[in-house]
Amino acid sequence: MITFNDIKNSHEIQTYIKKADESLITLGYTEHSFTHVGKVANKAEELLLKLGYDERTAELAQIAGYMHDIGNVVNRIDHAQSGAIMAFRILDNMGMDVAEIAAVISAIGNHDESTAVPVNEVAAALILADKSDVRRSRVRNTDFATFDIHDRVNYSVEASRLTLNEHKKEVSLNLVIDTSICAVMSYFEIFLERMLLCRRAAEYLGLKFKLVVNDVELL
């Protein structure tokens, strides 16, 4: 059985993550390296475990989370689909069970908001974990004067936390935003599509999605 540790320790996968992030640095995108994929992997696993899914399903979400952005090494456009194809080849060569490969690559292929659909529990957990990773430390542009709106939105986020209330069947993204850097409406302008996707992913898991910004529930 291929474990998350096998994936995390794979030189091949590590290289693709590193090189994909280097491409995004050149394009001016926020951080998509080991910090991001590690956070996404662990949050996706945590969500499914707390919801009562079996450990292997949660581990598949963790694997999908760790590998979800490798397609950026090909191109930012359609990186979910190219990443899924890359993951298929890697996992097949590693000897992973075909049904498990199917779960992982369908999640990777459905994580980007332009084409995403929560087609299974692994995909739903990946979507929620990925889209909730909004934080100041992901901004790599050091010149505030040249920030675009994506830089400003991410830099304005002083704290972010995705929390699950199993009893209320709610998952909440709680953000603290410095409104002197970015108005709350600017956050919506950039991330509304992502938040609506999070709501669909939460609904797939039988949950209500809430967005709370500066202690005000907005969604």
Protein backbone atom coordinates (compact mmCIF):
# COMPACT_ATOMS: atom_id res chain seq x y z
CA MET A 1 0.00 0.00 0.00
CA ILE A 2 1.33 3.44 -0.96
CA THR A 3 1.31 5.71 2.08
CA PHE A 4 1.48 9.46 2.51
CA ASN A 5 5.05 9.09 3.76
CA ASP A 6 5.94 7.35 0.49
CA ILE A 7 4.55 10.35 -1.38
CA LYS A 8 6.17 12.95 0.86
CA ASN A 9 9.57 11.26 0.62
CA SER A 10 9.46 10.77 -3.16
CA HIS A 11 12.29 12.70 -4.80
CA GLU A 12 10.27 12.75 -8.03
CA ILE A 13 7.25 14.39 -6.40
CA GLN A 14 9.40 16.78 -4.38
CA THR A 15 11.11 17.91 -7.58
CA TYR A 16 7.85 18.55 -9.40
CA ILE A 17 6.49 20.58 -6.47
CA LYS A 18 9.69 22.63 -6.33
CA LYS A 19 9.87 23.24 -10.07
CA ALA A 20 6.16 24.03 -10.31
CA ASP A 21 6.54 26.67 -7.62
CA GLU A 22 9.57 28.13 -9.39
CA SER A 23 7.40 28.59 -12.49
CA LEU A 24 4.79 30.39 -10.41
CA ILE A 25 7.45 32.66 -8.90
CA THR A 26 8.33 33.73 -12.44
CA LEU A 27 4.64 34.37 -13.17
CA GLY A 28 4.25 36.42 -9.99
CA TYR A 29 1.92 34.04 -8.15
CA THR A 30 1.64 33.47 -4.43
CA GLU A 31 3.51 30.63 -2.70
CA HIS A 32 2.56 27.14 -3.89
CA SER A 33 5.53 25.25 -2.45
CA PHE A 34 5.94 22.76 0.39
CA THR A 35 4.32 24.99 3.02
CA HIS A 36 1.12 25.32 0.99
CA VAL A 37 0.82 21.70 -0.12
CA GLY A 38 1.70 20.48 3.38
CA LYS A 39 -1.04 22.60 4.94
CA VAL A 40 -3.56 21.50 2.34
CA ALA A 41 -2.64 17.83 2.73
CA ASN A 42 -2.95 17.83 6.51
CA LYS A 43 -6.16 19.88 6.58
CA ALA A 44 -7.84 17.62 4.00
CA GLU A 45 -6.95 14.55 6.04
CA GLU A 46 -8.09 16.19 9.28
CA LEU A 47 -11.47 17.15 7.83
CA LEU A 48 -12.32 13.63 6.70
CA LEU A 49 -11.13 12.03 9.93
CA LYS A 50 -13.27 14.42 12.00
CA LEU A 51 -16.25 13.64 9.78
CA GLY A 52 -15.86 9.93 10.50
CA TYR A 53 -14.37 8.73 7.23
CA ASP A 54 -11.98 5.79 7.43
CA GLU A 55 -8.26 6.42 7.81
CA ARG A 56 -7.39 5.28 4.28
CA THR A 57 -9.88 7.63 2.64
CA ALA A 58 -8.47 10.46 4.75
CA GLU A 59 -4.95 9.47 3.73
CA LEU A 60 -5.93 9.56 0.06
CA ALA A 61 -7.15 13.14 0.60
CA GLN A 62 -3.79 13.87 2.23
CA ILE A 63 -1.96 12.43 -0.78
CA ALA A 64 -4.14 14.41 -3.20
CA GLY A 65 -3.50 17.55 -1.18
CA TYR A 66 0.24 17.10 -1.32
CA MET A 67 0.27 16.49 -5.09
CA HIS A 68 -2.53 18.81 -6.19
CA ASP A 69 -0.40 21.61 -7.67
CA ILE A 70 2.30 19.66 -9.54
CA GLY A 71 0.59 20.48 -12.86
CA ASN A 72 1.85 24.04 -12.56
CA VAL A 73 5.18 22.70 -13.81
CA VAL A 74 3.47 22.28 -17.20
CA ASN A 75 1.43 25.49 -17.24
CA ARG A 76 -0.77 27.45 -14.85
CA ILE A 77 -3.64 27.10 -17.29
CA ASP A 78 -5.42 23.75 -16.82
CA HIS A 79 -2.89 22.78 -14.13
CA ALA A 80 -5.51 20.67 -12.37
CA GLN A 81 -5.95 18.41 -15.39
CA SER A 82 -2.25 18.18 -16.27
CA GLY A 83 -1.48 17.55 -12.60
CA ALA A 84 -4.00 14.73 -12.49
CA ILE A 85 -2.40 13.07 -15.52
CA MET A 86 1.05 13.47 -13.98
CA ALA A 87 -0.22 12.00 -10.71
CA PHE A 88 -1.71 9.03 -12.55
CA ARG A 89 1.64 8.18 -14.11
CA ILE A 90 3.55 8.60 -10.85
CA LEU A 91 1.11 6.65 -8.68
CA ASP A 92 0.68 3.90 -11.28
CA ASN A 93 4.44 3.46 -11.45
CA MET A 94 4.57 3.31 -7.65
CA GLY A 95 2.05 0.48 -7.72
CA MET A 96 -0.93 2.13 -6.07
CA ASP A 97 -4.30 0.37 -6.29
CA VAL A 98 -6.26 1.56 -9.33
CA ALA A 99 -9.37 2.51 -7.35
CA GLU A 100 -7.23 4.62 -5.03
CA ILE A 101 -5.48 6.25 -7.99
CA ALA A 102 -8.91 7.10 -9.40
CA ALA A 103 -9.91 8.84 -6.15
CA VAL A 104 -6.70 10.86 -6.00
CA ILE A 105 -6.58 11.98 -9.63
CA SER A 106 -10.27 12.87 -9.75
CA ALA A 107 -9.70 15.11 -6.72
CA ILE A 108 -6.62 16.76 -8.25
CA GLY A 109 -8.39 17.22 -11.58
CA ASN A 110 -11.33 18.91 -9.86
CA HIS A 111 -9.65 21.30 -7.42
CA ASP A 112 -9.26 24.48 -9.51
CA GLU A 113 -12.27 26.80 -9.37
CA SER A 114 -12.42 27.30 -13.14
CA THR A 115 -13.45 23.67 -13.65
CA ALA A 116 -13.83 22.21 -10.14
CA VAL A 117 -16.62 19.95 -8.99
CA PRO A 118 -16.64 18.07 -5.66
CA VAL A 119 -17.05 14.69 -7.35
CA ASN A 120 -16.19 12.64 -4.26
CA GLU A 121 -15.26 13.10 -0.61
CA VAL A 122 -11.55 13.32 -1.41
CA ALA A 123 -12.17 16.13 -3.90
CA ALA A 124 -14.48 17.96 -1.50
CA ALA A 125 -11.91 17.85 1.30
CA LEU A 126 -9.15 18.99 -1.07
CA ILE A 127 -11.22 21.94 -2.30
CA LEU A 128 -11.96 23.15 1.24
CA ALA A 129 -8.37 22.72 2.38
CA ASP A 130 -6.87 24.40 -0.68
CA LYS A 131 -9.19 27.39 -0.95
CA SER A 132 -8.95 28.17 2.77
CA ASP A 133 -5.16 28.64 2.68
CA VAL A 134 -5.21 32.43 2.47
CA ARG A 135 -2.42 34.15 4.41
CA ARG A 136 0.04 37.00 4.32
CA SER A 137 3.07 34.71 4.17
CA ARG A 138 2.03 33.42 0.74
CA VAL A 139 2.77 36.83 -0.83
CA ARG A 140 6.30 36.90 -2.25
CA ASN A 141 6.28 40.35 -3.80
CA THR A 142 8.30 42.54 -1.43
CA ASP A 143 7.38 45.86 -3.08
CA PHE A 144 4.05 46.96 -1.64
CA ALA A 145 3.78 49.72 -4.25
CA THR A 146 3.56 47.12 -7.02
CA PHE A 147 1.00 44.83 -5.34
CA ASP A 148 -1.83 43.71 -7.59
CA ILE A 149 -5.22 42.95 -6.08
CA HIS A 150 -4.30 39.30 -5.40
CA ASP A 151 -1.22 40.42 -3.45
CA ARG A 152 -3.25 42.96 -1.47
CA VAL A 153 -5.99 40.48 -0.64
CA ASN A 154 -3.59 37.81 0.57
CA TYR A 155 -1.35 40.29 2.39
CA SER A 156 -4.33 41.78 4.20
CA VAL A 157 -5.17 38.46 5.85
CA GLU A 158 -3.62 38.55 9.31
CA ALA A 159 -5.13 35.23 10.41
CA SER A 160 -7.13 32.45 8.79
CA ARG A 161 -8.62 29.32 10.28
CA LEU A 162 -10.82 26.58 8.84
CA THR A 163 -12.85 25.02 11.63
CA LEU A 164 -15.30 22.14 11.66
CA ASN A 165 -18.24 21.92 14.04
CA GLU A 166 -19.33 18.32 13.77
CA HIS A 167 -22.40 18.81 15.97
CA LYS A 168 -23.78 21.76 13.97
CA LYS A 169 -22.63 20.22 10.69
CA GLU A 170 -20.81 23.43 9.80
CA VAL A 171 -17.39 24.23 8.41
CA SER A 172 -16.26 27.83 8.80
CA LEU A 173 -13.48 29.86 7.24
CA ASN A 174 -12.64 32.56 9.77
CA LEU A 175 -10.50 35.44 8.52
CA VAL A 176 -9.03 38.49 10.18
CA ILE A 177 -8.42 41.14 7.51
CA ASP A 178 -6.59 44.44 7.80
CA THR A 179 -9.10 46.65 5.98
CA SER A 180 -6.54 49.43 5.63
CA ILE A 181 -4.77 47.20 3.11
CA CYS A 182 -7.75 45.59 1.43
CA ALA A 183 -11.48 46.22 1.71
CA VAL A 184 -13.67 43.23 2.46
CA MET A 185 -15.40 43.78 -0.89
CA SER A 186 -12.06 43.35 -2.65
CA TYR A 187 -11.78 39.93 -1.01
CA PHE A 188 -15.16 39.03 -2.48
CA GLU A 189 -14.19 40.42 -5.87
CA ILE A 190 -11.27 38.00 -6.06
CA PHE A 191 -12.48 35.02 -4.07
CA LEU A 192 -16.27 34.85 -4.45
CA GLU A 193 -16.01 31.99 -6.94
CA ARG A 194 -13.73 30.12 -4.57
CA MET A 195 -16.08 30.63 -1.65
CA LEU A 196 -19.07 29.38 -3.64
CA LEU A 197 -17.01 26.34 -4.58
CA CYS A 198 -16.26 25.79 -0.89
CA ARG A 199 -19.98 25.89 -0.21
CA ARG A 200 -20.59 23.18 -2.83
CA ALA A 201 -17.76 21.08 -1.39
CA ALA A 202 -19.16 21.45 2.11
CA GLU A 203 -22.63 20.47 0.90
CA TYR A 204 -21.18 17.32 -0.65
CA LEU A 205 -19.88 16.39 2.81
CA GLY A 206 -23.25 17.17 4.40
CA LEU A 207 -22.08 20.48 5.85
CA LYS A 208 -23.00 24.15 5.74
CA PHE A 209 -20.16 26.49 4.74
CA LYS A 210 -19.73 29.78 6.56
CA LEU A 211 -17.36 32.65 5.76
CA VAL A 212 -16.64 34.90 8.73
CA VAL A 213 -14.53 38.02 8.18
CA ASN A 214 -13.58 40.20 11.16
CA ASP A 215 -16.27 38.44 13.23
CA VAL A 216 -19.01 39.20 10.67
CA GLU A 217 -20.68 36.25 8.91
CA LEU A 218 -20.73 37.04 5.19
CA LEU A 219 -21.69 33.73 3.60
